[in-house]
N, C-alpha and C. Protein backbone atom coordinates (compact mmCIF):
# COMPACT_ATOMS: atom_id res chain seq x y z
N MET A 1 8.07 -3.94 -10.68
CA MET A 1 7.52 -4.92 -11.29
C MET A 1 6.47 -4.45 -12.20
N THR A 2 6.60 -4.89 -13.56
CA THR A 2 5.20 -4.57 -14.33
C THR A 2 4.57 -5.71 -14.68
N THR A 3 3.10 -5.66 -14.59
CA THR A 3 2.23 -6.80 -15.02
C THR A 3 1.21 -6.14 -15.44
N SER A 4 0.31 -6.98 -16.21
CA SER A 4 -0.83 -6.55 -17.09
C SER A 4 -1.76 -5.75 -16.28
N HIS A 5 -1.34 -5.60 -14.74
CA HIS A 5 -2.30 -4.92 -13.79
C HIS A 5 -1.56 -3.80 -13.40
N GLY A 6 -0.54 -3.25 -14.12
CA GLY A 6 0.08 -1.83 -13.65
C GLY A 6 1.67 -2.32 -13.17
N GLU A 7 2.20 -1.42 -12.88
CA GLU A 7 3.76 -1.31 -12.18
C GLU A 7 3.60 -0.99 -10.52
N SER A 8 4.19 -1.95 -10.16
CA SER A 8 4.47 -1.56 -8.57
C SER A 8 6.03 -1.20 -8.12
N HIS A 9 6.26 -0.23 -7.44
CA HIS A 9 7.53 0.47 -7.19
C HIS A 9 7.65 0.58 -5.66
N THR A 10 8.86 -0.04 -5.30
CA THR A 10 9.45 0.32 -3.80
C THR A 10 10.61 0.82 -4.02
N LEU A 11 10.95 2.23 -3.47
CA LEU A 11 12.00 3.06 -3.70
C LEU A 11 12.83 2.46 -2.45
N GLU A 12 14.08 2.30 -3.15
CA GLU A 12 15.35 1.96 -2.09
C GLU A 12 15.58 3.08 -1.22
N GLN A 13 15.65 4.24 -1.90
CA GLN A 13 16.27 5.50 -0.89
C GLN A 13 14.94 5.87 0.11
N ARG A 14 13.65 5.44 0.22
CA ARG A 14 12.74 5.79 1.23
C ARG A 14 12.67 4.84 2.34
N ALA A 15 12.06 5.22 3.44
CA ALA A 15 11.75 4.18 4.41
C ALA A 15 11.09 3.01 3.51
N GLN A 16 11.38 1.98 4.29
CA GLN A 16 10.72 0.88 3.37
C GLN A 16 9.38 0.15 3.77
N PRO A 17 8.60 -0.05 3.17
CA PRO A 17 7.05 -0.39 3.78
C PRO A 17 7.15 -1.62 4.72
N LEU A 18 6.29 -1.42 6.04
CA LEU A 18 6.20 -2.20 7.01
C LEU A 18 5.58 -3.59 6.50
N GLY A 19 4.95 -3.74 5.59
CA GLY A 19 4.52 -4.73 4.94
C GLY A 19 4.69 -5.42 3.76
N LEU A 20 3.83 -6.12 3.15
CA LEU A 20 3.92 -6.50 1.77
C LEU A 20 3.14 -5.64 0.97
N TYR A 21 3.75 -4.66 0.48
CA TYR A 21 2.87 -3.48 -0.27
C TYR A 21 4.13 -2.44 -0.83
N PRO A 22 4.03 -1.90 -1.86
CA PRO A 22 4.79 -1.17 -2.53
C PRO A 22 4.39 0.52 -2.28
N HIS A 23 5.54 1.22 -2.52
CA HIS A 23 5.25 2.73 -2.23
C HIS A 23 4.22 3.22 -3.18
N VAL A 24 4.20 2.71 -4.42
CA VAL A 24 3.18 3.14 -5.30
C VAL A 24 3.06 2.05 -6.28
N ARG A 25 1.85 2.30 -6.77
CA ARG A 25 1.61 1.27 -7.91
C ARG A 25 0.64 2.14 -9.02
N VAL A 26 1.28 2.02 -10.11
CA VAL A 26 0.84 2.89 -11.20
C VAL A 26 0.03 1.82 -12.41
N VAL A 27 -1.31 2.34 -12.48
CA VAL A 27 -2.28 1.71 -13.14
C VAL A 27 -3.18 2.61 -14.21
N ASP A 28 -3.25 2.34 -15.40
CA ASP A 28 -4.03 3.07 -16.43
C ASP A 28 -3.74 4.46 -16.15
N GLY A 29 -2.34 5.00 -15.85
CA GLY A 29 -2.01 6.51 -15.92
C GLY A 29 -2.49 6.94 -14.70
N PHE A 30 -2.58 6.18 -13.53
CA PHE A 30 -2.81 6.89 -12.32
C PHE A 30 -1.83 6.29 -11.43
N ALA A 31 -1.18 7.06 -10.45
CA ALA A 31 -0.46 6.59 -9.37
C ALA A 31 -1.07 6.61 -8.13
N PHE A 32 -1.23 5.30 -7.47
CA PHE A 32 -1.70 5.01 -6.29
C PHE A 32 -0.62 4.87 -5.24
N VAL A 33 -0.50 5.87 -4.45
CA VAL A 33 0.46 6.08 -3.16
C VAL A 33 -0.11 5.32 -2.01
N SER A 34 0.67 4.35 -1.63
CA SER A 34 0.46 3.73 -0.24
C SER A 34 0.27 4.70 0.94
N GLY A 35 -0.16 4.31 2.01
CA GLY A 35 -0.29 5.14 3.17
C GLY A 35 1.27 5.65 3.32
N THR A 36 1.57 6.65 3.71
CA THR A 36 2.84 7.46 3.74
C THR A 36 2.92 8.23 5.01
N SER A 37 3.93 8.05 5.61
CA SER A 37 4.09 8.64 7.00
C SER A 37 5.46 9.62 6.96
N SER A 38 5.99 10.33 8.04
CA SER A 38 7.06 11.20 8.15
C SER A 38 8.12 10.16 8.37
N ARG A 39 8.31 8.71 8.39
CA ARG A 39 9.24 8.17 8.79
C ARG A 39 10.26 8.36 7.79
N ARG A 40 11.65 8.34 8.26
CA ARG A 40 12.84 8.46 7.39
C ARG A 40 13.42 7.35 7.11
N PRO A 41 14.44 7.08 6.09
CA PRO A 41 14.98 5.63 5.75
C PRO A 41 15.69 5.14 6.85
N ASP A 42 16.31 6.05 7.80
CA ASP A 42 16.95 5.38 8.87
C ASP A 42 15.83 5.07 10.30
N GLY A 43 14.43 4.96 9.91
CA GLY A 43 13.59 4.61 10.89
C GLY A 43 13.01 5.49 11.63
N SER A 44 13.82 6.74 11.81
CA SER A 44 13.42 7.94 12.68
C SER A 44 12.16 8.58 12.29
N ILE A 45 11.25 9.27 12.92
CA ILE A 45 10.25 10.02 12.49
C ILE A 45 10.36 11.66 12.52
N ALA A 46 10.27 12.27 11.56
CA ALA A 46 10.14 13.79 11.43
C ALA A 46 9.05 14.15 12.49
N GLY A 47 9.27 15.04 13.25
CA GLY A 47 8.10 15.63 14.06
C GLY A 47 7.78 15.13 15.33
N ALA A 48 8.58 14.22 15.85
CA ALA A 48 8.64 13.25 16.90
C ALA A 48 9.79 13.40 17.72
N ASP A 49 9.98 14.39 18.46
CA ASP A 49 11.29 14.63 19.03
C ASP A 49 11.20 14.33 20.58
N PRO A 50 12.26 13.35 21.21
CA PRO A 50 12.03 13.39 22.59
C PRO A 50 12.56 14.27 23.54
N ASP A 51 11.98 14.86 24.46
CA ASP A 51 12.62 15.74 25.28
C ASP A 51 13.48 15.35 26.44
N ASP A 52 14.03 16.07 27.32
CA ASP A 52 14.99 15.92 28.30
C ASP A 52 14.82 14.61 29.14
N GLY A 53 13.34 14.54 29.35
CA GLY A 53 12.60 13.58 30.27
C GLY A 53 12.19 12.31 29.68
N GLY A 54 12.47 12.25 28.18
CA GLY A 54 12.21 11.09 27.66
C GLY A 54 10.98 10.99 27.13
N ARG A 55 10.18 11.90 27.18
CA ARG A 55 8.89 12.03 26.56
C ARG A 55 9.11 12.63 25.34
N VAL A 56 8.03 12.31 24.16
CA VAL A 56 7.96 12.67 22.82
C VAL A 56 7.10 13.80 22.79
N ARG A 57 7.96 14.94 22.18
CA ARG A 57 7.20 16.12 21.79
C ARG A 57 6.98 15.93 20.28
N PHE A 58 5.61 15.92 20.01
CA PHE A 58 5.10 16.02 18.65
C PHE A 58 4.78 17.22 17.99
N ASP A 59 5.13 17.34 16.69
CA ASP A 59 4.93 18.64 15.85
C ASP A 59 4.23 18.06 14.56
N VAL A 60 2.85 18.38 14.20
CA VAL A 60 2.21 17.56 13.35
C VAL A 60 2.44 18.36 12.30
N ALA A 61 2.69 19.66 12.27
CA ALA A 61 3.03 20.37 10.95
C ALA A 61 4.32 20.07 10.41
N THR A 62 5.45 19.74 11.20
CA THR A 62 6.38 18.99 10.72
C THR A 62 6.24 17.60 10.10
N GLN A 63 5.38 16.88 10.84
CA GLN A 63 5.18 15.39 10.40
C GLN A 63 4.29 15.78 8.84
N THR A 64 3.54 16.51 8.79
CA THR A 64 2.89 16.68 7.65
C THR A 64 3.56 17.07 6.58
N ARG A 65 4.66 18.08 6.82
CA ARG A 65 5.45 18.66 5.62
C ARG A 65 6.33 17.23 5.18
N ALA A 66 6.77 16.62 6.38
CA ALA A 66 7.83 15.55 5.87
C ALA A 66 6.73 14.44 4.94
N VAL A 67 5.57 14.18 5.44
CA VAL A 67 4.94 13.29 4.71
C VAL A 67 4.82 13.62 3.30
N PHE A 68 4.34 15.10 2.90
CA PHE A 68 4.06 15.37 1.58
C PHE A 68 5.78 15.53 1.04
N ASP A 69 6.62 15.60 1.54
CA ASP A 69 8.09 15.31 0.86
C ASP A 69 8.35 13.89 0.51
N ASN A 70 7.74 13.09 1.50
CA ASN A 70 8.08 11.54 1.07
C ASN A 70 7.17 11.37 -0.17
N ILE A 71 5.80 11.88 -0.25
CA ILE A 71 4.99 11.49 -1.15
C ILE A 71 5.67 12.25 -2.29
N ARG A 72 6.00 13.30 -2.46
CA ARG A 72 6.44 14.32 -3.63
C ARG A 72 7.55 13.46 -4.39
N ASP A 73 8.52 12.62 -3.30
CA ASP A 73 9.72 12.05 -3.71
C ASP A 73 9.47 10.58 -4.59
N ILE A 74 8.11 9.95 -4.09
CA ILE A 74 7.45 8.83 -4.56
C ILE A 74 6.94 9.08 -6.14
N LEU A 75 6.32 10.19 -5.92
CA LEU A 75 5.64 10.69 -7.19
C LEU A 75 6.61 11.12 -8.33
N ALA A 76 7.72 11.75 -7.89
CA ALA A 76 8.76 11.84 -8.86
C ALA A 76 9.34 10.74 -9.65
N ALA A 77 9.48 9.47 -8.63
CA ALA A 77 10.01 8.44 -9.46
C ALA A 77 9.21 7.77 -10.36
N VAL A 78 7.94 8.20 -10.14
CA VAL A 78 6.92 7.54 -11.29
C VAL A 78 6.73 8.69 -12.43
N GLY A 79 7.38 9.92 -12.49
CA GLY A 79 7.11 11.02 -13.50
C GLY A 79 6.04 11.89 -13.11
N ALA A 80 5.63 11.71 -11.72
CA ALA A 80 4.42 12.61 -11.53
C ALA A 80 4.91 13.69 -10.24
N GLY A 81 4.11 14.68 -10.06
CA GLY A 81 4.31 15.36 -8.92
C GLY A 81 3.34 15.91 -7.92
N LEU A 82 3.41 16.60 -6.93
CA LEU A 82 2.14 17.00 -6.28
C LEU A 82 0.95 17.78 -7.04
N GLU A 83 1.45 18.36 -7.96
CA GLU A 83 0.58 19.18 -9.06
C GLU A 83 -0.36 17.95 -9.69
N ASP A 84 -0.04 16.77 -9.65
CA ASP A 84 -0.79 15.88 -10.34
C ASP A 84 -1.83 15.21 -9.51
N VAL A 85 -1.44 15.38 -8.24
CA VAL A 85 -2.40 14.61 -7.14
C VAL A 85 -4.04 15.10 -7.42
N VAL A 86 -4.70 14.15 -7.45
CA VAL A 86 -6.03 14.19 -7.63
C VAL A 86 -6.94 13.76 -6.38
N ASP A 87 -6.54 13.17 -5.47
CA ASP A 87 -7.06 12.86 -4.41
C ASP A 87 -6.21 12.73 -3.06
N VAL A 88 -6.58 13.13 -2.10
CA VAL A 88 -5.78 12.72 -0.81
C VAL A 88 -6.65 12.54 0.46
N THR A 89 -6.44 11.36 1.24
CA THR A 89 -6.70 10.78 2.09
C THR A 89 -6.01 10.88 3.30
N THR A 90 -6.42 11.41 4.39
CA THR A 90 -5.46 11.93 5.48
C THR A 90 -5.92 11.04 6.78
N PHE A 91 -5.20 10.22 7.39
CA PHE A 91 -5.42 9.74 8.70
C PHE A 91 -4.74 10.42 9.84
N LEU A 92 -5.78 10.93 10.65
CA LEU A 92 -5.05 11.48 12.15
C LEU A 92 -5.31 10.95 13.39
N VAL A 93 -4.37 10.92 14.06
CA VAL A 93 -4.62 10.03 15.37
C VAL A 93 -5.60 10.84 16.22
N ASP A 94 -5.60 12.37 16.29
CA ASP A 94 -6.04 13.10 17.18
C ASP A 94 -6.46 14.40 16.35
N MET A 95 -7.75 14.52 16.32
CA MET A 95 -8.54 15.74 15.52
C MET A 95 -8.20 17.02 16.28
N SER A 96 -7.49 17.06 17.23
CA SER A 96 -7.13 18.16 17.92
C SER A 96 -5.87 18.70 16.97
N ASP A 97 -5.26 17.88 16.20
CA ASP A 97 -4.16 18.10 15.32
C ASP A 97 -4.52 18.74 14.17
N PHE A 98 -6.01 18.63 13.66
CA PHE A 98 -6.54 19.30 12.31
C PHE A 98 -5.89 20.69 12.06
N ASP A 99 -5.95 21.62 12.81
CA ASP A 99 -5.57 23.00 12.47
C ASP A 99 -3.98 22.95 12.24
N ALA A 100 -3.17 22.09 12.77
CA ALA A 100 -1.77 22.43 12.68
C ALA A 100 -1.47 21.68 11.21
N TYR A 101 -2.14 20.45 11.20
CA TYR A 101 -2.35 19.77 9.60
C TYR A 101 -2.64 20.65 8.59
N ASN A 102 -3.95 21.18 8.75
CA ASN A 102 -4.51 22.08 7.79
C ASN A 102 -3.73 22.92 7.16
N ARG A 103 -2.98 23.70 8.41
CA ARG A 103 -2.11 24.56 7.97
C ARG A 103 -1.07 24.40 7.15
N ALA A 104 -0.33 23.41 7.62
CA ALA A 104 0.78 22.72 6.77
C ALA A 104 0.42 22.24 5.37
N TYR A 105 -0.85 21.68 5.35
CA TYR A 105 -1.34 21.13 3.88
C TYR A 105 -1.48 22.46 3.11
N ALA A 106 -1.99 23.30 3.70
CA ALA A 106 -2.08 24.60 2.92
C ALA A 106 -0.95 25.21 2.00
N THR A 107 0.05 24.83 2.88
CA THR A 107 1.48 25.57 2.49
C THR A 107 1.95 24.74 1.22
N VAL A 108 1.62 23.16 1.26
CA VAL A 108 2.19 22.31 0.15
C VAL A 108 1.23 22.64 -0.88
N PHE A 109 -0.01 22.89 -0.83
CA PHE A 109 -0.87 22.91 -1.95
C PHE A 109 -1.10 24.30 -2.52
N ALA A 110 -0.74 25.35 -1.79
CA ALA A 110 -0.76 26.73 -1.92
C ALA A 110 -0.63 27.34 -3.49
N ASP A 111 0.29 26.68 -4.29
CA ASP A 111 0.46 27.36 -5.69
C ASP A 111 -0.01 26.08 -6.59
N ILE A 112 -0.96 25.24 -6.09
CA ILE A 112 -1.40 24.24 -7.19
C ILE A 112 -2.65 24.34 -7.33
N SER A 113 -3.28 24.43 -8.64
CA SER A 113 -4.67 24.44 -9.10
C SER A 113 -4.86 23.60 -10.42
N PRO A 114 -5.95 23.07 -10.32
CA PRO A 114 -6.89 22.80 -9.39
C PRO A 114 -6.27 22.00 -8.15
N ARG A 115 -6.87 22.15 -6.91
CA ARG A 115 -6.18 21.43 -5.93
C ARG A 115 -6.89 20.12 -5.69
N PRO A 116 -6.52 18.97 -5.04
CA PRO A 116 -6.88 17.67 -5.10
C PRO A 116 -8.48 17.61 -4.17
N ALA A 117 -8.94 16.67 -4.28
CA ALA A 117 -10.01 16.46 -3.58
C ALA A 117 -9.55 15.91 -2.29
N ARG A 118 -10.20 15.96 -0.99
CA ARG A 118 -9.50 15.79 0.29
C ARG A 118 -10.44 15.20 1.28
N THR A 119 -10.04 14.02 2.00
CA THR A 119 -10.69 13.63 3.00
C THR A 119 -9.73 13.29 4.10
N THR A 120 -10.52 13.84 5.52
CA THR A 120 -9.42 13.56 6.61
C THR A 120 -10.27 13.10 7.70
N VAL A 121 -9.68 11.78 8.37
CA VAL A 121 -10.45 10.99 9.07
C VAL A 121 -9.49 10.66 10.36
N ALA A 122 -10.20 10.74 11.45
CA ALA A 122 -9.61 10.18 12.90
C ALA A 122 -9.48 8.85 12.92
N VAL A 123 -8.30 8.32 13.22
CA VAL A 123 -8.21 6.86 13.36
C VAL A 123 -7.48 6.66 14.87
N HIS A 124 -7.66 5.23 15.43
CA HIS A 124 -7.50 5.29 16.77
C HIS A 124 -6.14 5.33 17.12
N GLN A 125 -5.42 4.67 16.02
CA GLN A 125 -3.77 4.67 16.04
C GLN A 125 -3.11 4.39 14.85
N LEU A 126 -1.88 4.64 14.50
CA LEU A 126 -1.14 4.38 13.49
C LEU A 126 -0.03 2.96 13.80
N PRO A 127 0.60 2.61 13.00
CA PRO A 127 1.51 1.47 13.15
C PRO A 127 2.73 1.84 14.08
N HIS A 128 3.04 2.96 14.18
CA HIS A 128 4.14 3.48 15.14
C HIS A 128 3.40 4.34 16.36
N PRO A 129 3.93 4.28 17.35
CA PRO A 129 2.96 5.42 18.61
C PRO A 129 3.76 6.59 18.14
N ASP A 130 4.71 7.21 17.65
CA ASP A 130 5.12 8.12 17.14
C ASP A 130 4.48 8.86 15.93
N LEU A 131 3.88 8.29 15.28
CA LEU A 131 3.24 8.98 14.02
C LEU A 131 1.78 9.31 14.42
N ARG A 132 1.47 10.70 13.92
CA ARG A 132 0.31 11.31 14.12
C ARG A 132 -0.63 11.50 12.90
N ILE A 133 0.09 11.09 12.04
CA ILE A 133 -0.43 11.44 10.54
C ILE A 133 -0.01 10.52 9.65
N GLU A 134 -1.02 9.89 8.58
CA GLU A 134 -0.47 9.11 7.29
C GLU A 134 -1.44 9.52 6.32
N VAL A 135 -0.94 9.63 5.13
CA VAL A 135 -1.43 10.10 4.03
C VAL A 135 -1.36 9.06 2.91
N LYS A 136 -2.51 8.86 2.05
CA LYS A 136 -2.37 8.19 1.00
C LYS A 136 -2.86 9.12 -0.22
N THR A 137 -2.42 8.66 -1.38
CA THR A 137 -2.97 9.84 -2.57
C THR A 137 -3.01 8.75 -3.93
N VAL A 138 -3.66 9.63 -4.44
CA VAL A 138 -4.03 9.22 -5.99
C VAL A 138 -3.63 10.52 -6.81
N ALA A 139 -2.74 9.92 -8.19
CA ALA A 139 -2.23 11.17 -8.80
C ALA A 139 -2.40 10.56 -10.42
N ARG A 140 -2.43 11.63 -10.93
CA ARG A 140 -2.59 11.42 -12.34
C ARG A 140 -0.89 11.23 -13.00
N VAL A 141 -0.50 10.48 -13.71
CA VAL A 141 0.65 10.31 -14.39
C VAL A 141 0.80 10.89 -15.75
N PRO A 142 1.45 12.06 -15.81
CA PRO A 142 1.41 12.76 -17.19
C PRO A 142 1.81 11.76 -18.42
N PRO A 143 0.95 11.70 -19.37
CA PRO A 143 1.00 10.59 -20.37
C PRO A 143 2.57 10.58 -20.93
N GLN A 144 3.39 11.37 -21.21
CA GLN A 144 4.66 11.17 -21.78
C GLN A 144 5.67 10.65 -20.71
N SER A 145 5.08 10.76 -19.05
CA SER A 145 6.07 9.83 -18.18
C SER A 145 5.55 8.33 -18.10
N HIS A 146 4.32 8.28 -18.35
CA HIS A 146 3.71 6.80 -18.37
C HIS A 146 4.36 6.14 -19.61
N ASN A 147 4.21 6.83 -20.98
CA ASN A 147 4.74 6.10 -22.08
C ASN A 147 6.08 5.98 -21.95
N GLN A 148 6.82 6.83 -21.38
CA GLN A 148 8.61 6.50 -21.18
C GLN A 148 8.58 5.30 -20.33
N GLN A 149 7.85 5.05 -19.05
CA GLN A 149 7.95 4.08 -18.50
C GLN A 149 7.78 2.69 -18.94
N SER A 150 6.64 2.77 -19.97
CA SER A 150 6.48 1.59 -20.62
C SER A 150 7.48 1.04 -21.68
N HIS A 151 8.07 1.83 -22.23
CA HIS A 151 9.35 1.83 -23.00
C HIS A 151 10.46 1.29 -22.52
N ASP A 152 10.52 1.49 -21.04
CA ASP A 152 11.76 1.09 -20.36
C ASP A 152 11.45 -0.05 -19.31
N GLN A 153 10.42 -0.80 -19.56
CA GLN A 153 10.30 -1.83 -18.66
C GLN A 153 11.31 -2.75 -18.18
N GLN A 154 12.39 -3.16 -19.01
CA GLN A 154 13.17 -4.00 -18.62
C GLN A 154 14.23 -3.50 -17.70
N GLY A 155 14.53 -2.13 -17.74
CA GLY A 155 15.46 -1.49 -16.56
C GLY A 155 14.76 -0.88 -15.37
N GLU A 156 13.34 -0.97 -15.45
CA GLU A 156 12.49 -0.54 -14.32
C GLU A 156 12.93 -1.50 -12.93
N GLU A 157 12.79 -2.67 -13.33
CA GLU A 157 13.11 -3.46 -12.01
C GLU A 157 14.42 -3.10 -11.43
N ARG A 158 15.57 -2.65 -11.74
CA ARG A 158 16.81 -2.44 -11.58
C ARG A 158 16.64 -1.14 -10.82
N ARG A 159 15.77 -0.17 -11.62
CA ARG A 159 15.66 1.25 -10.87
C ARG A 159 14.87 1.15 -9.59
N TRP A 160 14.01 0.34 -9.56
CA TRP A 160 13.04 0.56 -8.39
C TRP A 160 13.30 -0.24 -7.26
N ARG A 161 14.18 -1.48 -7.30
CA ARG A 161 14.19 -2.32 -6.39
C ARG A 161 15.89 -2.38 -5.91
């Protein structure tokens, strides 16, 4: 949806938001990506696998890579990429997962320069007990992508919803 306050986009092929918010909002050439997890479109969670005893085994590195795969796809839908990310805010349920997160994060941004600013904070919990990480980002939308989107506003609602 396009308004004078920017464009909000919810992508059908991604896990749907659990509340009343879009995957991404584009305002004045910047894409504000809502908190994103490793949740798949079918509701399952990458990096949270039950063992034979029914306990969930967490792999924070897998969750981290899946989060950034989801963010990459969301940004691509508005004409941006991970190379356009200027700020990353990460929420970890347990700071003992920081090393695994940090190593996976380093692989995501290894070939990107300049790298985005980053903040990592510990939180008590996330919306699902199997989520160990959630990330929100701000990215610059390259001007040609932003201008193309403005010219295609009428088709935009069909494309995003």
